[in-house]
């Protein structure tokens, strides 16, 4: 099974107040499909944008062959620089 670490939309669509979950999910699943594990969140509506990633969980998935999306990779690199 190929695993991808990517963003999953959450929030209130009626008010267009979206935030995003960072999830490990099977590559074949839809964006809002069943996830294997939630590894973080991202809220672009806050100034500055708020995000929190569990780097230990992400590294575990990467060791098992998961691929990150470009946006998640950017957030991951920012998180690693802060530590």
PDB file of N, CA and C in Angstrom:
ATOM      1  N   UNK A   1       0.844  -1.176   0.000  1.00  0.00           N
ATOM      2  CA  UNK A   1       0.000   0.000   0.000  1.00  0.00           C
ATOM      3  C   UNK A   1       0.888   1.238   0.000  1.00  0.00           C
ATOM      4  N   UNK A   2       0.667   2.119  -0.948  1.00  0.00           N
ATOM      5  CA  UNK A   2       1.404   3.373  -1.015  1.00  0.00           C
ATOM      6  C   UNK A   2       0.709   4.400  -0.148  1.00  0.00           C
ATOM      7  N   UNK A   3       1.495   5.089   0.681  1.00  0.00           N
ATOM      8  CA  UNK A   3       0.953   6.073   1.619  1.00  0.00           C
ATOM      9  C   UNK A   3       1.464   7.453   1.245  1.00  0.00           C
ATOM     10  N   UNK A   4       0.586   8.420   1.364  1.00  0.00           N
ATOM     11  CA  UNK A   4       0.904   9.813   1.074  1.00  0.00           C
ATOM     12  C   UNK A   4       0.593  10.630   2.324  1.00  0.00           C
ATOM     13  N   UNK A   5       1.448  11.589   2.656  1.00  0.00           N
ATOM     14  CA  UNK A   5       1.167  12.523   3.747  1.00  0.00           C
ATOM     15  C   UNK A   5       0.721  13.805   3.071  1.00  0.00           C
ATOM     16  N   UNK A   6      -0.555  14.150   3.264  1.00  0.00           N
ATOM     17  CA  UNK A   6      -1.125  15.298   2.565  1.00  0.00           C
ATOM     18  C   UNK A   6      -2.157  15.996   3.422  1.00  0.00           C
ATOM     19  N   UNK A   7      -2.773  17.027   2.862  1.00  0.00           N
ATOM     20  CA  UNK A   7      -3.740  17.832   3.610  1.00  0.00           C
ATOM     21  C   UNK A   7      -5.160  17.355   3.326  1.00  0.00           C
ATOM     22  N   UNK A   8      -5.988  17.428   4.373  1.00  0.00           N
ATOM     23  CA  UNK A   8      -7.400  17.060   4.268  1.00  0.00           C
ATOM     24  C   UNK A   8      -8.212  18.241   4.785  1.00  0.00           C
ATOM     25  N   UNK A   9      -9.152  18.724   3.982  1.00  0.00           N
ATOM     26  CA  UNK A   9      -9.916  19.905   4.352  1.00  0.00           C
ATOM     27  C   UNK A   9     -10.892  19.595   5.480  1.00  0.00           C
ATOM     28  N   UNK A  10     -10.993  20.523   6.420  1.00  0.00           N
ATOM     29  CA  UNK A  10     -11.946  20.433   7.530  1.00  0.00           C
ATOM     30  C   UNK A  10     -12.474  21.839   7.772  1.00  0.00           C
ATOM     31  N   UNK A  11     -13.454  21.969   8.616  1.00  0.00           N
ATOM     32  CA  UNK A  11     -13.980  23.286   8.939  1.00  0.00           C
ATOM     33  C   UNK A  11     -15.425  23.433   8.495  1.00  0.00           C
ATOM     34  N   UNK A  12     -15.890  24.667   8.485  1.00  0.00           N
ATOM     35  CA  UNK A  12     -17.283  24.980   8.197  1.00  0.00           C
ATOM     36  C   UNK A  12     -17.438  25.520   6.781  1.00  0.00           C
ATOM     37  N   UNK A  13     -17.977  24.708   5.852  1.00  0.00           N
ATOM     38  CA  UNK A  13     -18.106  25.178   4.476  1.00  0.00           C
ATOM     39  C   UNK A  13     -19.153  26.278   4.315  1.00  0.00           C
ATOM     40  N   UNK A  14     -20.128  26.352   5.203  1.00  0.00           N
ATOM     41  CA  UNK A  14     -21.161  27.380   5.091  1.00  0.00           C
ATOM     42  C   UNK A  14     -20.563  28.773   5.272  1.00  0.00           C
ATOM     43  N   UNK A  15     -19.595  28.892   6.148  1.00  0.00           N
ATOM     44  CA  UNK A  15     -18.960  30.194   6.403  1.00  0.00           C
ATOM     45  C   UNK A  15     -17.626  30.330   5.693  1.00  0.00           C
ATOM     46  N   UNK A  16     -17.271  29.333   4.882  1.00  0.00           N
ATOM     47  CA  UNK A  16     -15.994  29.312   4.169  1.00  0.00           C
ATOM     48  C   UNK A  16     -14.821  29.519   5.137  1.00  0.00           C
ATOM     49  N   UNK A  17     -14.960  28.885   6.281  1.00  0.00           N
ATOM     50  CA  UNK A  17     -13.924  28.943   7.307  1.00  0.00           C
ATOM     51  C   UNK A  17     -13.243  27.581   7.340  1.00  0.00           C
ATOM     52  N   UNK A  18     -12.260  27.400   6.481  1.00  0.00           N
ATOM     53  CA  UNK A  18     -11.610  26.111   6.356  1.00  0.00           C
ATOM     54  C   UNK A  18     -10.303  26.074   7.128  1.00  0.00           C
ATOM     55  N   UNK A  19     -10.003  24.928   7.668  1.00  0.00           N
ATOM     56  CA  UNK A  19      -8.677  24.623   8.164  1.00  0.00           C
ATOM     57  C   UNK A  19      -8.332  23.258   7.608  1.00  0.00           C
ATOM     58  N   UNK A  20      -7.127  22.828   7.816  1.00  0.00           N
ATOM     59  CA  UNK A  20      -6.658  21.608   7.179  1.00  0.00           C
ATOM     60  C   UNK A  20      -6.042  20.677   8.199  1.00  0.00           C
ATOM     61  N   UNK A  21      -6.274  19.386   8.024  1.00  0.00           N
ATOM     62  CA  UNK A  21      -5.587  18.359   8.800  1.00  0.00           C
ATOM     63  C   UNK A  21      -4.456  17.827   7.935  1.00  0.00           C
ATOM     64  N   UNK A  22      -3.332  17.543   8.567  1.00  0.00           N
ATOM     65  CA  UNK A  22      -2.240  16.868   7.869  1.00  0.00           C
ATOM     66  C   UNK A  22      -2.395  15.393   8.210  1.00  0.00           C
ATOM     67  N   UNK A  23      -2.562  14.558   7.189  1.00  0.00           N
ATOM     68  CA  UNK A  23      -2.899  13.156   7.420  1.00  0.00           C
ATOM     69  C   UNK A  23      -2.008  12.214   6.618  1.00  0.00           C
ATOM     70  N   UNK A  24      -1.857  11.010   7.145  1.00  0.00           N
ATOM     71  CA  UNK A  24      -1.271   9.901   6.391  1.00  0.00           C
ATOM     72  C   UNK A  24      -2.456   9.120   5.836  1.00  0.00           C
ATOM     73  N   UNK A  25      -2.474   8.950   4.518  1.00  0.00           N
ATOM     74  CA  UNK A  25      -3.628   8.359   3.858  1.00  0.00           C
ATOM     75  C   UNK A  25      -3.144   7.512   2.680  1.00  0.00           C
ATOM     76  N   UNK A  26      -3.889   6.483   2.353  1.00  0.00           N
ATOM     77  CA  UNK A  26      -3.562   5.663   1.192  1.00  0.00           C
ATOM     78  C   UNK A  26      -3.613   6.526  -0.059  1.00  0.00           C
ATOM     79  N   UNK A  27      -2.684   6.325  -0.954  1.00  0.00           N
ATOM     80  CA  UNK A  27      -2.581   7.134  -2.163  1.00  0.00           C
ATOM     81  C   UNK A  27      -3.834   7.036  -3.029  1.00  0.00           C
ATOM     82  N   UNK A  28      -4.563   5.942  -2.930  1.00  0.00           N
ATOM     83  CA  UNK A  28      -5.751   5.718  -3.758  1.00  0.00           C
ATOM     84  C   UNK A  28      -7.004   6.416  -3.221  1.00  0.00           C
ATOM     85  N   UNK A  29      -6.987   6.843  -1.973  1.00  0.00           N
ATOM     86  CA  UNK A  29      -8.177   7.445  -1.357  1.00  0.00           C
ATOM     87  C   UNK A  29      -8.405   8.877  -1.835  1.00  0.00           C
ATOM     88  N   UNK A  30      -9.666   9.313  -1.763  1.00  0.00           N
ATOM     89  CA  UNK A  30     -10.020  10.690  -2.080  1.00  0.00           C
ATOM     90  C   UNK A  30      -9.491  11.621  -0.996  1.00  0.00           C
ATOM     91  N   UNK A  31      -9.480  12.925  -1.275  1.00  0.00           N
ATOM     92  CA  UNK A  31      -8.950  13.902  -0.335  1.00  0.00           C
ATOM     93  C   UNK A  31      -9.603  13.775   1.035  1.00  0.00           C
ATOM     94  N   UNK A  32     -10.912  13.584   1.076  1.00  0.00           N
ATOM     95  CA  UNK A  32     -11.626  13.511   2.344  1.00  0.00           C
ATOM     96  C   UNK A  32     -11.953  12.078   2.748  1.00  0.00           C
ATOM     97  N   UNK A  33     -11.197  11.112   2.231  1.00  0.00           N
ATOM     98  CA  UNK A  33     -11.435   9.708   2.531  1.00  0.00           C
ATOM     99  C   UNK A  33     -10.926   9.308   3.906  1.00  0.00           C
ATOM    100  N   UNK A  34     -11.052   8.023   4.196  1.00  0.00           N
ATOM    101  CA  UNK A  34     -10.633   7.473   5.486  1.00  0.00           C
ATOM    102  C   UNK A  34      -9.110   7.561   5.623  1.00  0.00           C
ATOM    103  N   UNK A  35      -8.663   8.106   6.752  1.00  0.00           N
ATOM    104  CA  UNK A  35      -7.227   8.316   6.964  1.00  0.00           C
ATOM    105  C   UNK A  35      -6.629   7.206   7.812  1.00  0.00           C
ATOM    106  N   UNK A  36      -5.331   7.024   7.686  1.00  0.00           N
ATOM    107  CA  UNK A  36      -4.612   6.068   8.521  1.00  0.00           C
ATOM    108  C   UNK A  36      -4.233   6.708   9.855  1.00  0.00           C
ATOM    109  N   UNK A  37      -3.815   7.991   9.803  1.00  0.00           N
ATOM    110  CA  UNK A  37      -3.425   8.690  11.030  1.00  0.00           C
ATOM    111  C   UNK A  37      -3.391  10.196  10.765  1.00  0.00           C
ATOM    112  N   UNK A  38      -3.832  10.969  11.750  1.00  0.00           N
ATOM    113  CA  UNK A  38      -3.721  12.424  11.698  1.00  0.00           C
ATOM    114  C   UNK A  38      -2.378  12.794  12.323  1.00  0.00           C
ATOM    115  N   UNK A  39      -1.559  13.548  11.585  1.00  0.00           N
ATOM    116  CA  UNK A  39      -0.214  13.876  12.066  1.00  0.00           C
ATOM    117  C   UNK A  39      -0.011  15.370  12.294  1.00  0.00           C
ATOM    118  N   UNK A  40      -1.050  16.181  12.099  1.00  0.00           N
ATOM    119  CA  UNK A  40      -0.914  17.608  12.360  1.00  0.00           C
ATOM    120  C   UNK A  40      -2.114  18.384  11.867  1.00  0.00           C
ATOM    121  N   UNK A  41      -2.023  19.727  11.972  1.00  0.00           N
ATOM    122  CA  UNK A  41      -3.085  20.593  11.465  1.00  0.00           C
ATOM    123  C   UNK A  41      -2.483  21.903  10.970  1.00  0.00           C
ATOM    124  N   UNK A  42      -3.272  22.621  10.144  1.00  0.00           N
ATOM    125  CA  UNK A  42      -2.832  23.882   9.548  1.00  0.00           C
ATOM    126  C   UNK A  42      -4.055  24.780   9.431  1.00  0.00           C
ATOM    127  N   UNK A  43      -3.951  26.018   9.933  1.00  0.00           N
ATOM    128  CA  UNK A  43      -5.049  26.982   9.862  1.00  0.00           C
ATOM    129  C   UNK A  43      -4.544  28.259   9.201  1.00  0.00           C
ATOM    130  N   UNK A  44      -4.793  28.430   7.900  1.00  0.00           N
ATOM    131  CA  UNK A  44      -4.278  29.602   7.193  1.00  0.00           C
ATOM    132  C   UNK A  44      -5.047  30.890   7.504  1.00  0.00           C
ATOM    133  N   UNK A  45      -6.216  30.800   8.138  1.00  0.00           N
ATOM    134  CA  UNK A  45      -7.025  31.983   8.412  1.00  0.00           C
ATOM    135  C   UNK A  45      -6.420  32.850   9.506  1.00  0.00           C
ATOM    136  N   UNK A  46      -5.651  32.262  10.389  1.00  0.00           N
ATOM    137  CA  UNK A  46      -5.012  33.032  11.455  1.00  0.00           C
ATOM    138  C   UNK A  46      -3.823  33.796  10.889  1.00  0.00           C
ATOM    139  N   UNK A  47      -3.531  34.928  11.496  1.00  0.00           N
ATOM    140  CA  UNK A  47      -2.385  35.741  11.074  1.00  0.00           C
ATOM    141  C   UNK A  47      -1.391  35.811  12.205  1.00  0.00           C
ATOM    142  N   UNK A  48      -0.198  35.275  12.101  1.00  0.00           N
ATOM    143  CA  UNK A  48       0.300  34.450  10.999  1.00  0.00           C
ATOM    144  C   UNK A  48      -0.346  33.069  11.011  1.00  0.00           C
ATOM    145  N   UNK A  49      -0.259  32.395   9.904  1.00  0.00           N
ATOM    146  CA  UNK A  49      -0.884  31.077   9.762  1.00  0.00           C
ATOM    147  C   UNK A  49      -0.393  30.138  10.864  1.00  0.00           C
ATOM    148  N   UNK A  50      -1.327  29.423  11.477  1.00  0.00           N
ATOM    149  CA  UNK A  50      -0.997  28.511  12.576  1.00  0.00           C
ATOM    150  C   UNK A  50      -0.901  27.086  12.045  1.00  0.00           C
ATOM    151  N   UNK A  51       0.153  26.397  12.450  1.00  0.00           N
ATOM    152  CA  UNK A  51       0.297  24.998  12.071  1.00  0.00           C
ATOM    153  C   UNK A  51       1.051  24.269  13.163  1.00  0.00           C
ATOM    154  N   UNK A  52       0.745  22.983  13.287  1.00  0.00           N
ATOM    155  CA  UNK A  52       1.432  22.133  14.248  1.00  0.00           C
ATOM    156  C   UNK A  52       1.541  20.745  13.641  1.00  0.00           C
ATOM    157  N   UNK A  53       2.760  20.228  13.587  1.00  0.00           N
ATOM    158  CA  UNK A  53       3.002  18.907  13.038  1.00  0.00           C
ATOM    159  C   UNK A  53       3.670  18.039  14.086  1.00  0.00           C
ATOM    160  N   UNK A  54       3.284  16.771  14.114  1.00  0.00           N
ATOM    161  CA  UNK A  54       3.942  15.800  14.981  1.00  0.00           C
ATOM    162  C   UNK A  54       5.075  15.179  14.157  1.00  0.00           C
ATOM    163  N   UNK A  55       6.274  15.734  14.299  1.00  0.00           N
ATOM    164  CA  UNK A  55       7.397  15.308  13.463  1.00  0.00           C
ATOM    165  C   UNK A  55       7.770  13.847  13.694  1.00  0.00           C
ATOM    166  N   UNK A  56       7.588  13.338  14.912  1.00  0.00           N
ATOM    167  CA  UNK A  56       7.921  11.936  15.178  1.00  0.00           C
ATOM    168  C   UNK A  56       7.022  11.005  14.356  1.00  0.00           C
ATOM    169  N   UNK A  57       5.718  11.312  14.292  1.00  0.00           N
ATOM    170  CA  UNK A  57       4.803  10.486  13.502  1.00  0.00           C
ATOM    171  C   UNK A  57       5.119  10.591  12.010  1.00  0.00           C
ATOM    172  N   UNK A  58       5.437  11.797  11.551  1.00  0.00           N
ATOM    173  CA  UNK A  58       5.759  11.981  10.136  1.00  0.00           C
ATOM    174  C   UNK A  58       7.013  11.193   9.775  1.00  0.00           C
ATOM    175  N   UNK A  59       8.037  11.270  10.622  1.00  0.00           N
ATOM    176  CA  UNK A  59       9.271  10.539  10.361  1.00  0.00           C
ATOM    177  C   UNK A  59       9.044   9.027  10.351  1.00  0.00           C
ATOM    178  N   UNK A  60       8.141   8.560  11.227  1.00  0.00           N
ATOM    179  CA  UNK A  60       7.799   7.129  11.229  1.00  0.00           C
ATOM    180  C   UNK A  60       7.188   6.726   9.891  1.00  0.00           C
ATOM    181  N   UNK A  61       6.265   7.525   9.360  1.00  0.00           N
ATOM    182  CA  UNK A  61       5.629   7.217   8.084  1.00  0.00           C
ATOM    183  C   UNK A  61       6.631   7.298   6.936  1.00  0.00           C
ATOM    184  N   UNK A  62       7.542   8.270   6.994  1.00  0.00           N
ATOM    185  CA  UNK A  62       8.552   8.393   5.942  1.00  0.00           C
ATOM    186  C   UNK A  62       9.464   7.170   5.932  1.00  0.00           C
ATOM    187  N   UNK A  63       9.828   6.675   7.117  1.00  0.00           N
ATOM    188  CA  UNK A  63      10.652   5.461   7.195  1.00  0.00           C
ATOM    189  C   UNK A  63       9.941   4.270   6.567  1.00  0.00           C
ATOM    190  N   UNK A  64       8.609   4.261   6.636  1.00  0.00           N
ATOM    191  CA  UNK A  64       7.829   3.170   6.059  1.00  0.00           C
ATOM    192  C   UNK A  64       7.491   3.404   4.594  1.00  0.00           C
ATOM    193  N   UNK A  65       8.053   4.472   3.984  1.00  0.00           N
ATOM    194  CA  UNK A  65       7.893   4.677   2.549  1.00  0.00           C
ATOM    195  C   UNK A  65       6.864   5.705   2.133  1.00  0.00           C
ATOM    196  N   UNK A  66       6.318   6.481   3.063  1.00  0.00           N
ATOM    197  CA  UNK A  66       5.323   7.487   2.702  1.00  0.00           C
ATOM    198  C   UNK A  66       5.977   8.654   1.972  1.00  0.00           C
ATOM    199  N   UNK A  67       5.215   9.281   1.089  1.00  0.00           N
ATOM    200  CA  UNK A  67       5.665  10.459   0.357  1.00  0.00           C
ATOM    201  C   UNK A  67       4.868  11.669   0.832  1.00  0.00           C
ATOM    202  N   UNK A  68       5.533  12.823   0.979  1.00  0.00           N
ATOM    203  CA  UNK A  68       4.851  14.043   1.397  1.00  0.00           C
ATOM    204  C   UNK A  68       4.449  14.875   0.188  1.00  0.00           C
ATOM    205  N   UNK A  69       3.318  15.572   0.307  1.00  0.00           N
ATOM    206  CA  UNK A  69       2.947  16.532  -0.728  1.00  0.00           C
ATOM    207  C   UNK A  69       3.881  17.745  -0.593  1.00  0.00           C
ATOM    208  N   UNK A  70       3.918  18.589  -1.610  1.00  0.00           N
ATOM    209  CA  UNK A  70       4.807  19.747  -1.595  1.00  0.00           C
ATOM    210  C   UNK A  70       4.486  20.702  -0.442  1.00  0.00           C
ATOM    211  N   UNK A  71       3.209  20.963  -0.204  1.00  0.00           N
ATOM    212  CA  UNK A  71       2.811  21.877   0.861  1.00  0.00           C
ATOM    213  C   UNK A  71       3.172  21.323   2.227  1.00  0.00           C
ATOM    214  N   UNK A  72       2.940  20.053   2.441  1.00  0.00           N
ATOM    215  CA  UNK A  72       3.289  19.428   3.716  1.00  0.00           C
ATOM    216  C   UNK A  72       4.803  19.449   3.907  1.00  0.00           C
ATOM    217  N   UNK A  73       5.557  19.214   2.842  1.00  0.00           N
ATOM    218  CA  UNK A  73       7.019  19.241   2.932  1.00  0.00           C
ATOM    219  C   UNK A  73       7.499  20.631   3.363  1.00  0.00           C
ATOM    220  N   UNK A  74       6.885  21.682   2.828  1.00  0.00           N
ATOM    221  CA  UNK A  74       7.246  23.051   3.208  1.00  0.00           C
ATOM    222  C   UNK A  74       6.973  23.292   4.690  1.00  0.00           C
ATOM    223  N   UNK A  75       5.796  22.898   5.163  1.00  0.00           N
ATOM    224  CA  UNK A  75       5.455  23.065   6.584  1.00  0.00           C
ATOM    225  C   UNK A  75       6.379  22.232   7.465  1.00  0.00           C
ATOM    226  N   UNK A  76       6.706  21.030   7.026  1.00  0.00           N
ATOM    227  CA  UNK A  76       7.591  20.146   7.776  1.00  0.00           C
ATOM    228  C   UNK A  76       8.983  20.771   7.913  1.00  0.00           C
ATOM    229  N   UNK A  77       9.497  21.328   6.828  1.00  0.00           N
ATOM    230  CA  UNK A  77      10.811  21.963   6.863  1.00  0.00           C
ATOM    231  C   UNK A  77      10.812  23.187   7.788  1.00  0.00           C
ATOM    232  N   UNK A  78       9.728  23.963   7.784  1.00  0.00           N
ATOM    233  CA  UNK A  78       9.620  25.105   8.695  1.00  0.00           C
ATOM    234  C   UNK A  78       9.619  24.644  10.144  1.00  0.00           C
ATOM    235  N   UNK A  79       8.903  23.558  10.419  1.00  0.00           N
ATOM    236  CA  UNK A  79       8.841  23.017  11.774  1.00  0.00           C
ATOM    237  C   UNK A  79      10.211  22.528  12.229  1.00  0.00           C
ATOM    238  N   UNK A  80      10.930  21.856  11.335  1.00  0.00           N
ATOM    239  CA  UNK A  80      12.264  21.344  11.681  1.00  0.00           C
ATOM    240  C   UNK A  80      13.244  22.488  11.967  1.00  0.00           C
ATOM    241  N   UNK A  81      13.130  23.623  11.245  1.00  0.00           N
ATOM    242  CA  UNK A  81      14.014  24.764  11.460  1.00  0.00           C
ATOM    243  C   UNK A  81      13.753  25.436  12.806  1.00  0.00           C
ATOM    244  N   UNK A  82      12.494  25.406  13.268  1.00  0.00           N
ATOM    245  CA  UNK A  82      12.138  26.043  14.533  1.00  0.00           C
ATOM    246  C   UNK A  82      12.689  25.289  15.738  1.00  0.00           C
ATOM    247  N   UNK A  83      12.928  23.995  15.585  1.00  0.00           N
ATOM    248  CA  UNK A  83      13.394  23.202  16.725  1.00  0.00           C
ATOM    249  C   UNK A  83      14.883  23.278  16.889  1.00  0.00           C
TER     250      UNK A  83
END
